[in-house]
N, C-alpha and C. Protein backbone atom coordinates (compact mmCIF):
# COMPACT_ATOMS: atom_id res chain seq x y z
N UNK A 1 31.74 81.99 -139.44
CA UNK A 1 32.71 82.07 -138.39
C UNK A 1 34.09 82.03 -139.03
N UNK A 2 34.91 83.00 -138.77
CA UNK A 2 36.26 83.08 -139.32
C UNK A 2 37.28 83.01 -138.20
N UNK A 3 38.45 82.51 -138.51
CA UNK A 3 39.54 82.45 -137.54
C UNK A 3 40.85 82.34 -138.29
N UNK A 4 41.89 82.89 -137.70
CA UNK A 4 43.24 82.67 -138.21
C UNK A 4 43.80 81.47 -137.48
N UNK A 5 44.33 80.52 -138.24
CA UNK A 5 44.86 79.29 -137.67
C UNK A 5 46.34 79.20 -138.00
N UNK A 6 47.13 78.95 -136.98
CA UNK A 6 48.57 78.83 -137.15
C UNK A 6 48.93 77.39 -137.49
N UNK A 7 49.81 77.22 -138.46
CA UNK A 7 50.31 75.91 -138.82
C UNK A 7 51.71 75.77 -138.23
N UNK A 8 51.95 74.68 -137.50
CA UNK A 8 53.24 74.47 -136.85
C UNK A 8 54.28 74.01 -137.87
N UNK A 9 55.53 73.93 -137.43
CA UNK A 9 56.61 73.47 -138.30
C UNK A 9 56.40 72.01 -138.71
N UNK A 10 55.59 71.27 -137.96
CA UNK A 10 55.28 69.89 -138.31
C UNK A 10 54.06 69.80 -139.22
N UNK A 11 53.47 70.93 -139.62
CA UNK A 11 52.32 70.94 -140.50
C UNK A 11 51.01 70.73 -139.80
N UNK A 12 51.00 70.85 -138.47
CA UNK A 12 49.78 70.65 -137.71
C UNK A 12 49.08 71.98 -137.45
N UNK A 13 47.77 71.92 -137.39
CA UNK A 13 46.95 73.10 -137.10
C UNK A 13 45.89 72.70 -136.08
N UNK A 14 45.50 73.66 -135.26
CA UNK A 14 44.46 73.41 -134.26
C UNK A 14 43.25 74.26 -134.58
N UNK A 15 42.09 73.61 -134.66
CA UNK A 15 40.85 74.36 -134.86
C UNK A 15 40.40 74.94 -133.53
N UNK A 16 39.96 76.18 -133.52
CA UNK A 16 39.45 76.76 -132.28
C UNK A 16 38.28 75.95 -131.73
N UNK A 17 38.15 75.91 -130.43
CA UNK A 17 37.13 75.11 -129.77
C UNK A 17 35.72 75.47 -130.25
N UNK A 18 35.47 76.73 -130.51
CA UNK A 18 34.13 77.14 -130.97
C UNK A 18 33.80 76.48 -132.31
N UNK A 19 34.80 76.39 -133.20
CA UNK A 19 34.57 75.74 -134.50
C UNK A 19 34.36 74.24 -134.33
N UNK A 20 35.17 73.62 -133.47
CA UNK A 20 35.01 72.17 -133.24
C UNK A 20 33.64 71.87 -132.68
N UNK A 21 33.18 72.68 -131.77
CA UNK A 21 31.85 72.45 -131.20
C UNK A 21 30.77 72.65 -132.25
N UNK A 22 30.93 73.66 -133.07
CA UNK A 22 29.94 73.94 -134.12
C UNK A 22 29.85 72.78 -135.11
N UNK A 23 31.00 72.12 -135.35
CA UNK A 23 31.03 70.99 -136.27
C UNK A 23 30.66 69.67 -135.59
N UNK A 24 30.51 69.71 -134.28
CA UNK A 24 30.17 68.50 -133.55
C UNK A 24 31.33 67.54 -133.42
N UNK A 25 32.55 68.06 -133.44
CA UNK A 25 33.73 67.23 -133.31
C UNK A 25 34.05 67.02 -131.85
N UNK A 26 34.57 65.85 -131.53
CA UNK A 26 34.94 65.54 -130.15
C UNK A 26 36.11 66.40 -129.72
N UNK A 27 36.33 66.45 -128.41
CA UNK A 27 37.45 67.24 -127.89
C UNK A 27 38.79 66.73 -128.40
N UNK A 28 38.90 65.43 -128.61
CA UNK A 28 40.12 64.88 -129.19
C UNK A 28 39.73 64.01 -130.37
N UNK A 29 40.45 64.13 -131.43
CA UNK A 29 40.15 63.34 -132.62
C UNK A 29 39.08 63.97 -133.47
N UNK A 30 38.60 63.23 -134.42
CA UNK A 30 37.61 63.73 -135.36
C UNK A 30 38.20 63.74 -136.75
N UNK A 31 37.34 63.75 -137.74
CA UNK A 31 37.79 63.68 -139.14
C UNK A 31 37.16 64.82 -139.92
N UNK A 32 37.97 65.48 -140.72
CA UNK A 32 37.49 66.51 -141.63
C UNK A 32 37.99 66.18 -143.03
N UNK A 33 37.23 66.59 -144.03
CA UNK A 33 37.64 66.44 -145.42
C UNK A 33 38.22 67.78 -145.86
N UNK A 34 39.39 67.75 -146.49
CA UNK A 34 40.04 68.98 -146.95
C UNK A 34 40.02 69.03 -148.47
N UNK A 35 39.66 70.19 -149.01
CA UNK A 35 39.65 70.40 -150.46
C UNK A 35 40.39 71.71 -150.74
N UNK A 36 41.43 71.62 -151.57
CA UNK A 36 42.17 72.80 -151.98
C UNK A 36 41.74 73.19 -153.38
N UNK A 37 41.17 74.36 -153.51
CA UNK A 37 40.81 74.89 -154.83
C UNK A 37 42.06 75.56 -155.37
N UNK A 38 42.71 74.91 -156.33
CA UNK A 38 43.98 75.41 -156.83
C UNK A 38 43.83 76.71 -157.62
N UNK A 39 42.65 76.97 -158.15
CA UNK A 39 42.43 78.21 -158.89
C UNK A 39 42.39 79.42 -157.96
N UNK A 40 41.73 79.27 -156.82
CA UNK A 40 41.57 80.40 -155.91
C UNK A 40 42.52 80.35 -154.72
N UNK A 41 43.14 79.18 -154.48
CA UNK A 41 44.02 79.04 -153.32
C UNK A 41 43.26 78.85 -152.02
N UNK A 42 41.96 78.57 -152.12
CA UNK A 42 41.15 78.39 -150.92
C UNK A 42 41.20 76.95 -150.44
N UNK A 43 41.36 76.78 -149.14
CA UNK A 43 41.30 75.47 -148.51
C UNK A 43 39.97 75.39 -147.79
N UNK A 44 39.17 74.39 -148.14
CA UNK A 44 37.84 74.23 -147.55
C UNK A 44 37.85 72.94 -146.74
N UNK A 45 37.51 73.04 -145.45
CA UNK A 45 37.39 71.89 -144.58
C UNK A 45 35.91 71.62 -144.33
N UNK A 46 35.50 70.39 -144.52
CA UNK A 46 34.11 70.02 -144.28
C UNK A 46 34.06 68.73 -143.46
N UNK A 47 32.97 68.58 -142.76
CA UNK A 47 32.75 67.36 -142.01
C UNK A 47 32.20 66.32 -142.98
N UNK A 48 32.81 65.13 -143.05
CA UNK A 48 32.28 64.11 -143.98
C UNK A 48 30.86 63.72 -143.61
N UNK A 49 30.05 63.35 -144.60
CA UNK A 49 28.67 62.96 -144.29
C UNK A 49 28.63 61.65 -143.51
N UNK A 50 27.60 61.50 -142.68
CA UNK A 50 27.40 60.25 -141.95
C UNK A 50 26.79 59.23 -142.90
N UNK A 51 26.77 57.98 -142.48
CA UNK A 51 26.15 56.92 -143.28
C UNK A 51 24.68 57.25 -143.55
N UNK A 52 23.99 57.78 -142.54
CA UNK A 52 22.58 58.14 -142.72
C UNK A 52 22.41 59.22 -143.77
N UNK A 53 23.29 60.23 -143.73
CA UNK A 53 23.22 61.31 -144.72
C UNK A 53 23.51 60.79 -146.12
N UNK A 54 24.51 59.91 -146.24
CA UNK A 54 24.81 59.32 -147.56
C UNK A 54 23.63 58.50 -148.07
N UNK A 55 23.04 57.72 -147.18
CA UNK A 55 21.89 56.90 -147.56
C UNK A 55 20.75 57.77 -148.05
N UNK A 56 20.51 58.87 -147.37
CA UNK A 56 19.43 59.78 -147.77
C UNK A 56 19.71 60.38 -149.14
N UNK A 57 20.96 60.78 -149.39
CA UNK A 57 21.31 61.36 -150.69
C UNK A 57 21.12 60.34 -151.82
N UNK A 58 21.57 59.12 -151.57
CA UNK A 58 21.49 58.08 -152.60
C UNK A 58 20.04 57.71 -152.87
N UNK A 59 19.24 57.61 -151.81
CA UNK A 59 17.86 57.17 -151.99
C UNK A 59 17.03 58.13 -152.84
N UNK A 60 17.45 59.36 -152.95
CA UNK A 60 16.74 60.31 -153.81
C UNK A 60 16.83 59.94 -155.28
N UNK A 61 17.82 59.13 -155.64
CA UNK A 61 18.06 58.79 -157.04
C UNK A 61 17.57 57.39 -157.40
N UNK A 62 16.94 56.70 -156.47
CA UNK A 62 16.45 55.35 -156.72
C UNK A 62 14.97 55.40 -157.06
N UNK A 63 14.62 54.73 -158.13
CA UNK A 63 13.22 54.71 -158.56
C UNK A 63 12.37 53.97 -157.52
N UNK A 64 11.17 54.47 -157.25
CA UNK A 64 10.29 53.76 -156.31
C UNK A 64 10.03 52.33 -156.79
N UNK A 65 9.99 51.41 -155.86
CA UNK A 65 9.73 50.01 -156.18
C UNK A 65 10.96 49.22 -156.57
N UNK A 66 12.13 49.87 -156.61
CA UNK A 66 13.36 49.16 -156.94
C UNK A 66 13.76 48.27 -155.77
N UNK A 67 14.00 47.00 -156.10
CA UNK A 67 14.41 46.07 -155.05
C UNK A 67 15.86 46.33 -154.67
N UNK A 68 16.21 46.17 -153.39
CA UNK A 68 17.60 46.40 -152.99
C UNK A 68 18.53 45.35 -153.60
N UNK A 69 19.73 45.75 -153.92
CA UNK A 69 20.73 44.86 -154.49
C UNK A 69 21.46 44.18 -153.34
N UNK A 70 21.24 42.89 -153.20
CA UNK A 70 21.83 42.15 -152.08
C UNK A 70 23.01 41.29 -152.52
N UNK A 71 23.05 40.90 -153.79
CA UNK A 71 24.10 40.02 -154.27
C UNK A 71 24.66 40.61 -155.57
N UNK A 72 25.80 41.25 -155.49
CA UNK A 72 26.38 41.93 -156.65
C UNK A 72 26.75 40.93 -157.74
N UNK A 73 27.34 39.79 -157.34
CA UNK A 73 27.73 38.78 -158.34
C UNK A 73 26.51 38.29 -159.12
N UNK A 74 25.42 38.04 -158.42
CA UNK A 74 24.20 37.57 -159.07
C UNK A 74 23.66 38.64 -160.03
N UNK A 75 23.74 39.89 -159.63
CA UNK A 75 23.28 40.99 -160.49
C UNK A 75 24.08 41.03 -161.79
N UNK A 76 25.42 40.98 -161.67
CA UNK A 76 26.25 41.03 -162.88
C UNK A 76 26.01 39.82 -163.77
N UNK A 77 25.81 38.65 -163.18
CA UNK A 77 25.53 37.45 -163.97
C UNK A 77 24.22 37.62 -164.74
N UNK A 78 23.21 38.16 -164.10
CA UNK A 78 21.92 38.35 -164.78
C UNK A 78 22.05 39.37 -165.90
N UNK A 79 22.88 40.39 -165.73
CA UNK A 79 23.08 41.38 -166.77
C UNK A 79 23.82 40.78 -167.97
N UNK A 80 24.78 39.89 -167.70
CA UNK A 80 25.50 39.21 -168.78
C UNK A 80 24.55 38.34 -169.58
N UNK A 81 23.65 37.65 -168.88
CA UNK A 81 22.68 36.79 -169.56
C UNK A 81 21.74 37.60 -170.44
N UNK A 82 21.35 38.79 -169.99
CA UNK A 82 20.46 39.64 -170.79
C UNK A 82 21.14 40.11 -172.07
N UNK A 83 22.43 40.34 -172.01
CA UNK A 83 23.17 40.84 -173.18
C UNK A 83 23.50 39.73 -174.17
N UNK A 84 23.43 38.48 -173.73
CA UNK A 84 23.79 37.36 -174.63
C UNK A 84 22.71 37.05 -175.61
């Protein structure tokens, strides 16, 4: 889906309603991540991942049987003891 978007003198732009609906953005508000590729001059807007999506991505890299880390201070202390 392509569209020409006008930027106002205040630097504001409005996404067409069809794009907002496609992205699942509310009628007012919403958050997008912007990335400017300086080599190509392309501006890419993406919807940030939800907590569930982040959790799913992270869990792919965790070895089966790994216990969840509940106390970061305790973890670092145990690592210091192993190195001593």
